[in-house]
């Protein structure tokens, strides 16, 4: 593992540990972004189950976006994850940025999820 990957993994573990301490039983909205796509999951850590998921690869999102690696795609995924989480009965979550800085695509997804009805 390179130094850069090791530092990212450390930041990711530190972020998740702090989130679990502060969560108070709330599910976690976890974000993963790659060079080509963005993914989001609402995870119940107490049960170890995924309650809702969305990505830029979903059929409903794919038709409305040009590429999966921009803010528009992140906004669409944020709206979709909020819709699916509310359908699963989840209104409050803890946002897990997963070691990524809170700007760009990650911030766009978070803001769209908030506008969609999720509280964090």
PDB file of N, CA and C in Angstrom:
ATOM      1  N   UNK A   1       0.849  -1.177   0.000  1.00  0.00           N
ATOM      2  CA  UNK A   1       0.000   0.000   0.000  1.00  0.00           C
ATOM      3  C   UNK A   1       0.890   1.234   0.000  1.00  0.00           C
ATOM      4  N   UNK A   2       0.609   2.152  -0.904  1.00  0.00           N
ATOM      5  CA  UNK A   2       1.424   3.361  -0.980  1.00  0.00           C
ATOM      6  C   UNK A   2       1.129   4.279   0.203  1.00  0.00           C
ATOM      7  N   UNK A   3       2.010   5.236   0.398  1.00  0.00           N
ATOM      8  CA  UNK A   3       1.823   6.179   1.498  1.00  0.00           C
ATOM      9  C   UNK A   3       0.517   6.946   1.351  1.00  0.00           C
ATOM     10  N   UNK A   4       0.187   7.314   0.120  1.00  0.00           N
ATOM     11  CA  UNK A   4      -1.041   8.065  -0.121  1.00  0.00           C
ATOM     12  C   UNK A   4      -2.270   7.234   0.242  1.00  0.00           C
ATOM     13  N   UNK A   5      -2.290   5.975  -0.170  1.00  0.00           N
ATOM     14  CA  UNK A   5      -3.413   5.098   0.158  1.00  0.00           C
ATOM     15  C   UNK A   5      -3.488   4.821   1.647  1.00  0.00           C
ATOM     16  N   UNK A   6      -2.353   4.685   2.288  1.00  0.00           N
ATOM     17  CA  UNK A   6      -2.334   4.434   3.728  1.00  0.00           C
ATOM     18  C   UNK A   6      -2.894   5.630   4.486  1.00  0.00           C
ATOM     19  N   UNK A   7      -2.535   6.828   4.062  1.00  0.00           N
ATOM     20  CA  UNK A   7      -3.057   8.029   4.718  1.00  0.00           C
ATOM     21  C   UNK A   7      -4.562   8.159   4.503  1.00  0.00           C
ATOM     22  N   UNK A   8      -5.046   7.838   3.302  1.00  0.00           N
ATOM     23  CA  UNK A   8      -6.476   7.886   3.022  1.00  0.00           C
ATOM     24  C   UNK A   8      -7.220   6.880   3.900  1.00  0.00           C
ATOM     25  N   UNK A   9      -6.688   5.670   4.002  1.00  0.00           N
ATOM     26  CA  UNK A   9      -7.326   4.629   4.817  1.00  0.00           C
ATOM     27  C   UNK A   9      -7.371   5.043   6.288  1.00  0.00           C
ATOM     28  N   UNK A  10      -6.319   5.687   6.754  1.00  0.00           N
ATOM     29  CA  UNK A  10      -6.299   6.166   8.143  1.00  0.00           C
ATOM     30  C   UNK A  10      -7.355   7.239   8.371  1.00  0.00           C
ATOM     31  N   UNK A  11      -7.467   8.174   7.431  1.00  0.00           N
ATOM     32  CA  UNK A  11      -8.456   9.244   7.550  1.00  0.00           C
ATOM     33  C   UNK A  11      -9.867   8.657   7.496  1.00  0.00           C
ATOM     34  N   UNK A  12     -10.063   7.652   6.659  1.00  0.00           N
ATOM     35  CA  UNK A  12     -11.360   7.000   6.536  1.00  0.00           C
ATOM     36  C   UNK A  12     -11.746   6.304   7.850  1.00  0.00           C
ATOM     37  N   UNK A  13     -10.809   5.566   8.444  1.00  0.00           N
ATOM     38  CA  UNK A  13     -11.086   4.880   9.712  1.00  0.00           C
ATOM     39  C   UNK A  13     -11.371   5.888  10.828  1.00  0.00           C
ATOM     40  N   UNK A  14     -10.606   6.970  10.872  1.00  0.00           N
ATOM     41  CA  UNK A  14     -10.789   7.995  11.898  1.00  0.00           C
ATOM     42  C   UNK A  14     -12.164   8.648  11.757  1.00  0.00           C
ATOM     43  N   UNK A  15     -12.578   8.939  10.530  1.00  0.00           N
ATOM     44  CA  UNK A  15     -13.887   9.545  10.277  1.00  0.00           C
ATOM     45  C   UNK A  15     -15.004   8.602  10.696  1.00  0.00           C
ATOM     46  N   UNK A  16     -14.916   7.337  10.311  1.00  0.00           N
ATOM     47  CA  UNK A  16     -15.970   6.369  10.649  1.00  0.00           C
ATOM     48  C   UNK A  16     -16.058   6.139  12.153  1.00  0.00           C
ATOM     49  N   UNK A  17     -14.926   6.103  12.828  1.00  0.00           N
ATOM     50  CA  UNK A  17     -14.934   5.910  14.279  1.00  0.00           C
ATOM     51  C   UNK A  17     -15.654   7.077  14.955  1.00  0.00           C
ATOM     52  N   UNK A  18     -15.330   8.291  14.559  1.00  0.00           N
ATOM     53  CA  UNK A  18     -15.975   9.473  15.147  1.00  0.00           C
ATOM     54  C   UNK A  18     -17.478   9.471  14.852  1.00  0.00           C
ATOM     55  N   UNK A  19     -17.861   9.044  13.659  1.00  0.00           N
ATOM     56  CA  UNK A  19     -19.283   8.989  13.314  1.00  0.00           C
ATOM     57  C   UNK A  19     -20.037   7.982  14.168  1.00  0.00           C
ATOM     58  N   UNK A  20     -19.451   6.832  14.359  1.00  0.00           N
ATOM     59  CA  UNK A  20     -20.126   5.798  15.152  1.00  0.00           C
ATOM     60  C   UNK A  20     -20.292   6.244  16.597  1.00  0.00           C
ATOM     61  N   UNK A  21     -19.344   7.009  17.102  1.00  0.00           N
ATOM     62  CA  UNK A  21     -19.446   7.512  18.465  1.00  0.00           C
ATOM     63  C   UNK A  21     -20.582   8.521  18.587  1.00  0.00           C
ATOM     64  N   UNK A  22     -20.769   9.342  17.571  1.00  0.00           N
ATOM     65  CA  UNK A  22     -21.755  10.421  17.614  1.00  0.00           C
ATOM     66  C   UNK A  22     -23.117  10.025  17.048  1.00  0.00           C
ATOM     67  N   UNK A  23     -23.223   8.871  16.427  1.00  0.00           N
ATOM     68  CA  UNK A  23     -24.439   8.499  15.696  1.00  0.00           C
ATOM     69  C   UNK A  23     -25.651   8.347  16.601  1.00  0.00           C
ATOM     70  N   UNK A  24     -25.486   7.779  17.765  1.00  0.00           N
ATOM     71  CA  UNK A  24     -26.624   7.585  18.654  1.00  0.00           C
ATOM     72  C   UNK A  24     -27.671   6.651  18.066  1.00  0.00           C
ATOM     73  N   UNK A  25     -27.249   5.651  17.306  1.00  0.00           N
ATOM     74  CA  UNK A  25     -28.175   4.681  16.745  1.00  0.00           C
ATOM     75  C   UNK A  25     -28.763   5.067  15.397  1.00  0.00           C
ATOM     76  N   UNK A  26     -28.429   6.245  14.896  1.00  0.00           N
ATOM     77  CA  UNK A  26     -28.942   6.663  13.592  1.00  0.00           C
ATOM     78  C   UNK A  26     -28.192   5.923  12.478  1.00  0.00           C
ATOM     79  N   UNK A  27     -28.866   5.647  11.373  1.00  0.00           N
ATOM     80  CA  UNK A  27     -28.185   5.028  10.232  1.00  0.00           C
ATOM     81  C   UNK A  27     -27.154   5.978   9.636  1.00  0.00           C
ATOM     82  N   UNK A  28     -26.247   5.416   8.858  1.00  0.00           N
ATOM     83  CA  UNK A  28     -25.140   6.175   8.270  1.00  0.00           C
ATOM     84  C   UNK A  28     -25.347   6.282   6.764  1.00  0.00           C
ATOM     85  N   UNK A  29     -25.253   7.515   6.232  1.00  0.00           N
ATOM     86  CA  UNK A  29     -25.289   7.748   4.794  1.00  0.00           C
ATOM     87  C   UNK A  29     -23.851   7.779   4.315  1.00  0.00           C
ATOM     88  N   UNK A  30     -23.427   6.692   3.679  1.00  0.00           N
ATOM     89  CA  UNK A  30     -22.039   6.520   3.265  1.00  0.00           C
ATOM     90  C   UNK A  30     -21.892   6.833   1.784  1.00  0.00           C
ATOM     91  N   UNK A  31     -20.839   7.582   1.447  1.00  0.00           N
ATOM     92  CA  UNK A  31     -20.586   7.997   0.067  1.00  0.00           C
ATOM     93  C   UNK A  31     -19.274   7.388  -0.413  1.00  0.00           C
ATOM     94  N   UNK A  32     -19.289   6.862  -1.641  1.00  0.00           N
ATOM     95  CA  UNK A  32     -18.072   6.407  -2.300  1.00  0.00           C
ATOM     96  C   UNK A  32     -18.049   7.032  -3.677  1.00  0.00           C
ATOM     97  N   UNK A  33     -16.918   7.609  -4.034  1.00  0.00           N
ATOM     98  CA  UNK A  33     -16.796   8.177  -5.371  1.00  0.00           C
ATOM     99  C   UNK A  33     -15.576   7.583  -6.050  1.00  0.00           C
ATOM    100  N   UNK A  34     -15.749   7.238  -7.300  1.00  0.00           N
ATOM    101  CA  UNK A  34     -14.631   6.763  -8.110  1.00  0.00           C
ATOM    102  C   UNK A  34     -14.383   7.798  -9.194  1.00  0.00           C
ATOM    103  N   UNK A  35     -13.492   7.507 -10.090  1.00  0.00           N
ATOM    104  CA  UNK A  35     -13.214   8.433 -11.170  1.00  0.00           C
ATOM    105  C   UNK A  35     -14.354   8.550 -12.166  1.00  0.00           C
ATOM    106  N   UNK A  36     -15.213   7.531 -12.224  1.00  0.00           N
ATOM    107  CA  UNK A  36     -16.276   7.523 -13.230  1.00  0.00           C
ATOM    108  C   UNK A  36     -17.689   7.582 -12.659  1.00  0.00           C
ATOM    109  N   UNK A  37     -17.875   7.244 -11.373  1.00  0.00           N
ATOM    110  CA  UNK A  37     -19.223   7.159 -10.808  1.00  0.00           C
ATOM    111  C   UNK A  37     -19.223   7.588  -9.349  1.00  0.00           C
ATOM    112  N   UNK A  38     -20.427   7.742  -8.790  1.00  0.00           N
ATOM    113  CA  UNK A  38     -20.595   8.047  -7.374  1.00  0.00           C
ATOM    114  C   UNK A  38     -21.700   7.143  -6.824  1.00  0.00           C
ATOM    115  N   UNK A  39     -21.516   6.671  -5.621  1.00  0.00           N
ATOM    116  CA  UNK A  39     -22.413   5.714  -4.990  1.00  0.00           C
ATOM    117  C   UNK A  39     -22.773   6.210  -3.594  1.00  0.00           C
ATOM    118  N   UNK A  40     -23.986   5.881  -3.126  1.00  0.00           N
ATOM    119  CA  UNK A  40     -24.411   6.236  -1.772  1.00  0.00           C
ATOM    120  C   UNK A  40     -25.223   5.087  -1.193  1.00  0.00           C
ATOM    121  N   UNK A  41     -25.037   4.852   0.116  1.00  0.00           N
ATOM    122  CA  UNK A  41     -25.794   3.810   0.821  1.00  0.00           C
ATOM    123  C   UNK A  41     -26.221   4.346   2.178  1.00  0.00           C
ATOM    124  N   UNK A  42     -27.405   3.949   2.611  1.00  0.00           N
ATOM    125  CA  UNK A  42     -27.846   4.204   3.977  1.00  0.00           C
ATOM    126  C   UNK A  42     -27.696   2.876   4.700  1.00  0.00           C
ATOM    127  N   UNK A  43     -26.815   2.865   5.715  1.00  0.00           N
ATOM    128  CA  UNK A  43     -26.437   1.628   6.388  1.00  0.00           C
ATOM    129  C   UNK A  43     -26.827   1.691   7.859  1.00  0.00           C
ATOM    130  N   UNK A  44     -27.473   0.637   8.346  1.00  0.00           N
ATOM    131  CA  UNK A  44     -27.756   0.502   9.773  1.00  0.00           C
ATOM    132  C   UNK A  44     -26.628  -0.330  10.372  1.00  0.00           C
ATOM    133  N   UNK A  45     -25.708   0.328  11.085  1.00  0.00           N
ATOM    134  CA  UNK A  45     -24.551  -0.366  11.641  1.00  0.00           C
ATOM    135  C   UNK A  45     -24.923  -1.312  12.766  1.00  0.00           C
ATOM    136  N   UNK A  46     -26.020  -1.054  13.472  1.00  0.00           N
ATOM    137  CA  UNK A  46     -26.427  -1.943  14.567  1.00  0.00           C
ATOM    138  C   UNK A  46     -26.885  -3.293  14.035  1.00  0.00           C
ATOM    139  N   UNK A  47     -27.616  -3.285  12.925  1.00  0.00           N
ATOM    140  CA  UNK A  47     -28.090  -4.524  12.305  1.00  0.00           C
ATOM    141  C   UNK A  47     -27.103  -5.065  11.280  1.00  0.00           C
ATOM    142  N   UNK A  48     -26.213  -4.202  10.787  1.00  0.00           N
ATOM    143  CA  UNK A  48     -25.285  -4.609   9.738  1.00  0.00           C
ATOM    144  C   UNK A  48     -25.988  -4.786   8.408  1.00  0.00           C
ATOM    145  N   UNK A  49     -26.960  -3.911   8.123  1.00  0.00           N
ATOM    146  CA  UNK A  49     -27.757  -4.056   6.903  1.00  0.00           C
ATOM    147  C   UNK A  49     -27.809  -2.743   6.131  1.00  0.00           C
ATOM    148  N   UNK A  50     -27.876  -2.850   4.819  1.00  0.00           N
ATOM    149  CA  UNK A  50     -28.058  -1.690   3.955  1.00  0.00           C
ATOM    150  C   UNK A  50     -29.554  -1.451   3.789  1.00  0.00           C
ATOM    151  N   UNK A  51     -30.001  -0.250   4.144  1.00  0.00           N
ATOM    152  CA  UNK A  51     -31.420   0.079   4.086  1.00  0.00           C
ATOM    153  C   UNK A  51     -31.822   0.656   2.721  1.00  0.00           C
ATOM    154  N   UNK A  52     -30.910   1.391   2.094  1.00  0.00           N
ATOM    155  CA  UNK A  52     -31.187   1.988   0.784  1.00  0.00           C
ATOM    156  C   UNK A  52     -29.864   2.242   0.079  1.00  0.00           C
ATOM    157  N   UNK A  53     -29.897   2.224  -1.237  1.00  0.00           N
ATOM    158  CA  UNK A  53     -28.682   2.513  -2.000  1.00  0.00           C
ATOM    159  C   UNK A  53     -29.051   3.177  -3.317  1.00  0.00           C
ATOM    160  N   UNK A  54     -28.105   3.939  -3.849  1.00  0.00           N
ATOM    161  CA  UNK A  54     -28.284   4.600  -5.136  1.00  0.00           C
ATOM    162  C   UNK A  54     -26.911   4.861  -5.729  1.00  0.00           C
ATOM    163  N   UNK A  55     -26.851   4.936  -7.043  1.00  0.00           N
ATOM    164  CA  UNK A  55     -25.579   5.241  -7.692  1.00  0.00           C
ATOM    165  C   UNK A  55     -25.841   5.881  -9.049  1.00  0.00           C
ATOM    166  N   UNK A  56     -24.782   6.389  -9.637  1.00  0.00           N
ATOM    167  CA  UNK A  56     -24.908   6.992 -10.956  1.00  0.00           C
ATOM    168  C   UNK A  56     -25.092   5.928 -12.042  1.00  0.00           C
ATOM    169  N   UNK A  57     -25.049   4.665 -11.666  1.00  0.00           N
ATOM    170  CA  UNK A  57     -25.277   3.569 -12.605  1.00  0.00           C
ATOM    171  C   UNK A  57     -26.737   3.127 -12.654  1.00  0.00           C
ATOM    172  N   UNK A  58     -27.581   3.627 -11.728  1.00  0.00           N
ATOM    173  CA  UNK A  58     -29.001   3.267 -11.711  1.00  0.00           C
ATOM    174  C   UNK A  58     -29.673   3.727 -12.996  1.00  0.00           C
ATOM    175  N   UNK A  59     -30.603   2.936 -13.485  1.00  0.00           N
ATOM    176  CA  UNK A  59     -31.276   3.234 -14.751  1.00  0.00           C
ATOM    177  C   UNK A  59     -31.986   4.582 -14.731  1.00  0.00           C
ATOM    178  N   UNK A  60     -32.627   4.927 -13.630  1.00  0.00           N
ATOM    179  CA  UNK A  60     -33.336   6.192 -13.534  1.00  0.00           C
ATOM    180  C   UNK A  60     -32.417   7.391 -13.591  1.00  0.00           C
ATOM    181  N   UNK A  61     -31.207   7.227 -13.131  1.00  0.00           N
ATOM    182  CA  UNK A  61     -30.235   8.323 -13.102  1.00  0.00           C
ATOM    183  C   UNK A  61     -29.471   8.388 -14.419  1.00  0.00           C
ATOM    184  N   UNK A  62     -29.135   7.245 -14.963  1.00  0.00           N
ATOM    185  CA  UNK A  62     -28.308   7.167 -16.171  1.00  0.00           C
ATOM    186  C   UNK A  62     -28.859   7.981 -17.335  1.00  0.00           C
ATOM    187  N   UNK A  63     -30.171   7.976 -17.502  1.00  0.00           N
ATOM    188  CA  UNK A  63     -30.783   8.678 -18.617  1.00  0.00           C
ATOM    189  C   UNK A  63     -30.761  10.193 -18.483  1.00  0.00           C
ATOM    190  N   UNK A  64     -30.602  10.697 -17.251  1.00  0.00           N
ATOM    191  CA  UNK A  64     -30.661  12.143 -17.017  1.00  0.00           C
ATOM    192  C   UNK A  64     -29.300  12.803 -16.914  1.00  0.00           C
ATOM    193  N   UNK A  65     -28.220  12.018 -16.933  1.00  0.00           N
ATOM    194  CA  UNK A  65     -26.895  12.605 -16.746  1.00  0.00           C
ATOM    195  C   UNK A  65     -26.006  12.348 -17.954  1.00  0.00           C
ATOM    196  N   UNK A  66     -25.039  13.214 -18.125  1.00  0.00           N
ATOM    197  CA  UNK A  66     -24.084  13.079 -19.225  1.00  0.00           C
ATOM    198  C   UNK A  66     -22.975  12.098 -18.846  1.00  0.00           C
ATOM    199  N   UNK A  67     -22.458  12.251 -17.620  1.00  0.00           N
ATOM    200  CA  UNK A  67     -21.406  11.377 -17.103  1.00  0.00           C
ATOM    201  C   UNK A  67     -21.662  11.138 -15.620  1.00  0.00           C
ATOM    202  N   UNK A  68     -21.124  10.063 -15.090  1.00  0.00           N
ATOM    203  CA  UNK A  68     -21.324   9.750 -13.677  1.00  0.00           C
ATOM    204  C   UNK A  68     -20.329  10.420 -12.767  1.00  0.00           C
ATOM    205  N   UNK A  69     -19.438  11.236 -13.330  1.00  0.00           N
ATOM    206  CA  UNK A  69     -18.347  11.794 -12.540  1.00  0.00           C
ATOM    207  C   UNK A  69     -18.394  13.314 -12.456  1.00  0.00           C
ATOM    208  N   UNK A  70     -19.612  13.881 -12.311  1.00  0.00           N
ATOM    209  CA  UNK A  70     -19.691  15.326 -12.145  1.00  0.00           C
ATOM    210  C   UNK A  70     -20.737  15.671 -11.084  1.00  0.00           C
ATOM    211  N   UNK A  71     -20.866  16.965 -10.800  1.00  0.00           N
ATOM    212  CA  UNK A  71     -21.780  17.409  -9.745  1.00  0.00           C
ATOM    213  C   UNK A  71     -23.233  17.124 -10.091  1.00  0.00           C
ATOM    214  N   UNK A  72     -23.578  17.180 -11.361  1.00  0.00           N
ATOM    215  CA  UNK A  72     -24.961  16.889 -11.764  1.00  0.00           C
ATOM    216  C   UNK A  72     -25.334  15.450 -11.417  1.00  0.00           C
ATOM    217  N   UNK A  73     -24.424  14.526 -11.666  1.00  0.00           N
ATOM    218  CA  UNK A  73     -24.669  13.124 -11.324  1.00  0.00           C
ATOM    219  C   UNK A  73     -24.794  12.965  -9.810  1.00  0.00           C
ATOM    220  N   UNK A  74     -23.935  13.643  -9.053  1.00  0.00           N
ATOM    221  CA  UNK A  74     -23.986  13.562  -7.596  1.00  0.00           C
ATOM    222  C   UNK A  74     -25.305  14.112  -7.073  1.00  0.00           C
ATOM    223  N   UNK A  75     -25.792  15.184  -7.677  1.00  0.00           N
ATOM    224  CA  UNK A  75     -27.073  15.762  -7.267  1.00  0.00           C
ATOM    225  C   UNK A  75     -28.213  14.785  -7.521  1.00  0.00           C
ATOM    226  N   UNK A  76     -28.219  14.147  -8.666  1.00  0.00           N
ATOM    227  CA  UNK A  76     -29.267  13.163  -8.987  1.00  0.00           C
ATOM    228  C   UNK A  76     -29.215  11.972  -8.023  1.00  0.00           C
ATOM    229  N   UNK A  77     -28.009  11.504  -7.701  1.00  0.00           N
ATOM    230  CA  UNK A  77     -27.866  10.389  -6.768  1.00  0.00           C
ATOM    231  C   UNK A  77     -28.323  10.808  -5.373  1.00  0.00           C
ATOM    232  N   UNK A  78     -28.025  12.032  -4.975  1.00  0.00           N
ATOM    233  CA  UNK A  78     -28.480  12.544  -3.677  1.00  0.00           C
ATOM    234  C   UNK A  78     -29.992  12.582  -3.574  1.00  0.00           C
ATOM    235  N   UNK A  79     -30.656  13.029  -4.617  1.00  0.00           N
ATOM    236  CA  UNK A  79     -32.125  13.053  -4.632  1.00  0.00           C
ATOM    237  C   UNK A  79     -32.685  11.640  -4.544  1.00  0.00           C
ATOM    238  N   UNK A  80     -32.073  10.715  -5.298  1.00  0.00           N
ATOM    239  CA  UNK A  80     -32.557   9.337  -5.338  1.00  0.00           C
ATOM    240  C   UNK A  80     -32.346   8.627  -4.001  1.00  0.00           C
ATOM    241  N   UNK A  81     -31.197   8.847  -3.361  1.00  0.00           N
ATOM    242  CA  UNK A  81     -30.957   8.184  -2.072  1.00  0.00           C
ATOM    243  C   UNK A  81     -31.903   8.725  -1.014  1.00  0.00           C
ATOM    244  N   UNK A  82     -32.223  10.016  -1.060  1.00  0.00           N
ATOM    245  CA  UNK A  82     -33.174  10.591  -0.105  1.00  0.00           C
ATOM    246  C   UNK A  82     -34.557   9.975  -0.302  1.00  0.00           C
ATOM    247  N   UNK A  83     -34.967   9.853  -1.548  1.00  0.00           N
ATOM    248  CA  UNK A  83     -36.270   9.262  -1.865  1.00  0.00           C
ATOM    249  C   UNK A  83     -36.354   7.817  -1.369  1.00  0.00           C
ATOM    250  N   UNK A  84     -35.309   7.050  -1.626  1.00  0.00           N
ATOM    251  CA  UNK A  84     -35.311   5.632  -1.218  1.00  0.00           C
ATOM    252  C   UNK A  84     -35.198   5.472   0.296  1.00  0.00           C
ATOM    253  N   UNK A  85     -34.443   6.347   0.948  1.00  0.00           N
ATOM    254  CA  UNK A  85     -34.319   6.273   2.410  1.00  0.00           C
ATOM    255  C   UNK A  85     -35.648   6.619   3.073  1.00  0.00           C
ATOM    256  N   UNK A  86     -36.327   7.644   2.579  1.00  0.00           N
ATOM    257  CA  UNK A  86     -37.629   8.008   3.137  1.00  0.00           C
ATOM    258  C   UNK A  86     -38.640   6.883   2.923  1.00  0.00           C
ATOM    259  N   UNK A  87     -38.567   6.206   1.785  1.00  0.00           N
ATOM    260  CA  UNK A  87     -39.450   5.065   1.524  1.00  0.00           C
ATOM    261  C   UNK A  87     -39.172   3.915   2.484  1.00  0.00           C
ATOM    262  N   UNK A  88     -37.913   3.809   2.939  1.00  0.00           N
ATOM    263  CA  UNK A  88     -37.539   2.758   3.891  1.00  0.00           C
ATOM    264  C   UNK A  88     -37.807   3.186   5.329  1.00  0.00           C
ATOM    265  N   UNK A  89     -38.320   4.408   5.521  1.00  0.00           N
ATOM    266  CA  UNK A  89     -38.664   4.879   6.864  1.00  0.00           C
ATOM    267  C   UNK A  89     -37.525   5.568   7.597  1.00  0.00           C
ATOM    268  N   UNK A  90     -36.502   5.990   6.891  1.00  0.00           N
ATOM    269  CA  UNK A  90     -35.362   6.662   7.504  1.00  0.00           C
ATOM    270  C   UNK A  90     -35.452   8.148   7.207  1.00  0.00           C
ATOM    271  N   UNK A  91     -35.462   8.957   8.285  1.00  0.00           N
ATOM    272  CA  UNK A  91     -35.526  10.409   8.103  1.00  0.00           C
ATOM    273  C   UNK A  91     -34.251  11.098   8.584  1.00  0.00           C
ATOM    274  N   UNK A  92     -33.604  10.525   9.597  1.00  0.00           N
ATOM    275  CA  UNK A  92     -32.384  11.113  10.156  1.00  0.00           C
ATOM    276  C   UNK A  92     -31.217  10.158   9.951  1.00  0.00           C
ATOM    277  N   UNK A  93     -30.110  10.696   9.460  1.00  0.00           N
ATOM    278  CA  UNK A  93     -28.905   9.901   9.226  1.00  0.00           C
ATOM    279  C   UNK A  93     -27.688  10.668   9.724  1.00  0.00           C
ATOM    280  N   UNK A  94     -26.566   9.982   9.738  1.00  0.00           N
ATOM    281  CA  UNK A  94     -25.263  10.592   9.990  1.00  0.00           C
ATOM    282  C   UNK A  94     -24.522  10.521   8.663  1.00  0.00           C
ATOM    283  N   UNK A  95     -23.939  11.641   8.218  1.00  0.00           N
ATOM    284  CA  UNK A  95     -23.283  11.678   6.916  1.00  0.00           C
ATOM    285  C   UNK A  95     -21.847  11.187   7.033  1.00  0.00           C
ATOM    286  N   UNK A  96     -21.514  10.143   6.285  1.00  0.00           N
ATOM    287  CA  UNK A  96     -20.169   9.569   6.254  1.00  0.00           C
ATOM    288  C   UNK A  96     -19.535   9.908   4.915  1.00  0.00           C
ATOM    289  N   UNK A  97     -18.649  10.890   4.934  1.00  0.00           N
ATOM    290  CA  UNK A  97     -17.994  11.313   3.696  1.00  0.00           C
ATOM    291  C   UNK A  97     -16.883  10.355   3.306  1.00  0.00           C
ATOM    292  N   UNK A  98     -16.566   9.401   4.156  1.00  0.00           N
ATOM    293  CA  UNK A  98     -15.647   8.318   3.825  1.00  0.00           C
ATOM    294  C   UNK A  98     -14.217   8.740   3.578  1.00  0.00           C
ATOM    295  N   UNK A  99     -13.749   9.787   4.210  1.00  0.00           N
ATOM    296  CA  UNK A  99     -12.374  10.213   4.021  1.00  0.00           C
ATOM    297  C   UNK A  99     -12.202  11.235   2.917  1.00  0.00           C
ATOM    298  N   UNK A 100     -13.270  11.461   2.121  1.00  0.00           N
ATOM    299  CA  UNK A 100     -13.203  12.472   1.069  1.00  0.00           C
ATOM    300  C   UNK A 100     -13.452  13.840   1.690  1.00  0.00           C
ATOM    301  N   UNK A 101     -12.874  14.860   1.099  1.00  0.00           N
ATOM    302  CA  UNK A 101     -13.127  16.216   1.570  1.00  0.00           C
ATOM    303  C   UNK A 101     -14.561  16.602   1.211  1.00  0.00           C
ATOM    304  N   UNK A 102     -15.187  17.433   2.048  1.00  0.00           N
ATOM    305  CA  UNK A 102     -16.571  17.829   1.832  1.00  0.00           C
ATOM    306  C   UNK A 102     -16.618  19.009   0.878  1.00  0.00           C
ATOM    307  N   UNK A 103     -16.480  18.725  -0.395  1.00  0.00           N
ATOM    308  CA  UNK A 103     -16.629  19.725  -1.448  1.00  0.00           C
ATOM    309  C   UNK A 103     -16.880  18.995  -2.756  1.00  0.00           C
ATOM    310  N   UNK A 104     -17.231  19.741  -3.774  1.00  0.00           N
ATOM    311  CA  UNK A 104     -17.441  19.132  -5.081  1.00  0.00           C
ATOM    312  C   UNK A 104     -18.580  18.148  -5.102  1.00  0.00           C
ATOM    313  N   UNK A 105     -18.303  16.941  -5.602  1.00  0.00           N
ATOM    314  CA  UNK A 105     -19.344  15.926  -5.772  1.00  0.00           C
ATOM    315  C   UNK A 105     -19.925  15.455  -4.444  1.00  0.00           C
ATOM    316  N   UNK A 106     -19.087  15.333  -3.418  1.00  0.00           N
ATOM    317  CA  UNK A 106     -19.568  14.867  -2.113  1.00  0.00           C
ATOM    318  C   UNK A 106     -20.532  15.887  -1.517  1.00  0.00           C
ATOM    319  N   UNK A 107     -20.186  17.161  -1.587  1.00  0.00           N
ATOM    320  CA  UNK A 107     -21.062  18.214  -1.066  1.00  0.00           C
ATOM    321  C   UNK A 107     -22.350  18.307  -1.883  1.00  0.00           C
ATOM    322  N   UNK A 108     -22.261  18.135  -3.197  1.00  0.00           N
ATOM    323  CA  UNK A 108     -23.451  18.184  -4.048  1.00  0.00           C
ATOM    324  C   UNK A 108     -24.416  17.058  -3.691  1.00  0.00           C
ATOM    325  N   UNK A 109     -23.899  15.867  -3.446  1.00  0.00           N
ATOM    326  CA  UNK A 109     -24.741  14.742  -3.043  1.00  0.00           C
ATOM    327  C   UNK A 109     -25.393  15.029  -1.696  1.00  0.00           C
ATOM    328  N   UNK A 110     -24.628  15.540  -0.741  1.00  0.00           N
ATOM    329  CA  UNK A 110     -25.160  15.832   0.592  1.00  0.00           C
ATOM    330  C   UNK A 110     -26.258  16.891   0.526  1.00  0.00           C
ATOM    331  N   UNK A 111     -26.025  17.944  -0.216  1.00  0.00           N
ATOM    332  CA  UNK A 111     -27.022  19.018  -0.312  1.00  0.00           C
ATOM    333  C   UNK A 111     -28.301  18.526  -0.974  1.00  0.00           C
ATOM    334  N   UNK A 112     -28.186  17.702  -2.010  1.00  0.00           N
ATOM    335  CA  UNK A 112     -29.366  17.154  -2.678  1.00  0.00           C
ATOM    336  C   UNK A 112     -30.132  16.215  -1.755  1.00  0.00           C
ATOM    337  N   UNK A 113     -29.426  15.439  -0.935  1.00  0.00           N
ATOM    338  CA  UNK A 113     -30.083  14.532   0.020  1.00  0.00           C
ATOM    339  C   UNK A 113     -30.839  15.346   1.074  1.00  0.00           C
ATOM    340  N   UNK A 114     -30.250  16.450   1.518  1.00  0.00           N
ATOM    341  CA  UNK A 114     -30.933  17.326   2.477  1.00  0.00           C
ATOM    342  C   UNK A 114     -32.196  17.914   1.859  1.00  0.00           C
ATOM    343  N   UNK A 115     -32.079  18.398   0.633  1.00  0.00           N
ATOM    344  CA  UNK A 115     -33.244  18.957  -0.045  1.00  0.00           C
ATOM    345  C   UNK A 115     -34.318  17.902  -0.291  1.00  0.00           C
ATOM    346  N   UNK A 116     -33.892  16.651  -0.437  1.00  0.00           N
ATOM    347  CA  UNK A 116     -34.837  15.546  -0.643  1.00  0.00           C
ATOM    348  C   UNK A 116     -35.556  15.117   0.617  1.00  0.00           C
ATOM    349  N   UNK A 117     -35.155  15.632   1.778  1.00  0.00           N
ATOM    350  CA  UNK A 117     -35.883  15.319   3.011  1.00  0.00           C
ATOM    351  C   UNK A 117     -35.089  14.631   4.095  1.00  0.00           C
ATOM    352  N   UNK A 118     -33.828  14.258   3.830  1.00  0.00           N
ATOM    353  CA  UNK A 118     -33.023  13.644   4.879  1.00  0.00           C
ATOM    354  C   UNK A 118     -32.482  14.709   5.807  1.00  0.00           C
ATOM    355  N   UNK A 119     -32.366  14.369   7.068  1.00  0.00           N
ATOM    356  CA  UNK A 119     -31.856  15.310   8.066  1.00  0.00           C
ATOM    357  C   UNK A 119     -30.529  14.805   8.607  1.00  0.00           C
ATOM    358  N   UNK A 120     -29.492  15.665   8.494  1.00  0.00           N
ATOM    359  CA  UNK A 120     -28.187  15.374   9.081  1.00  0.00           C
ATOM    360  C   UNK A 120     -27.409  16.640   9.255  1.00  0.00           C
TER     361      UNK A 120
END
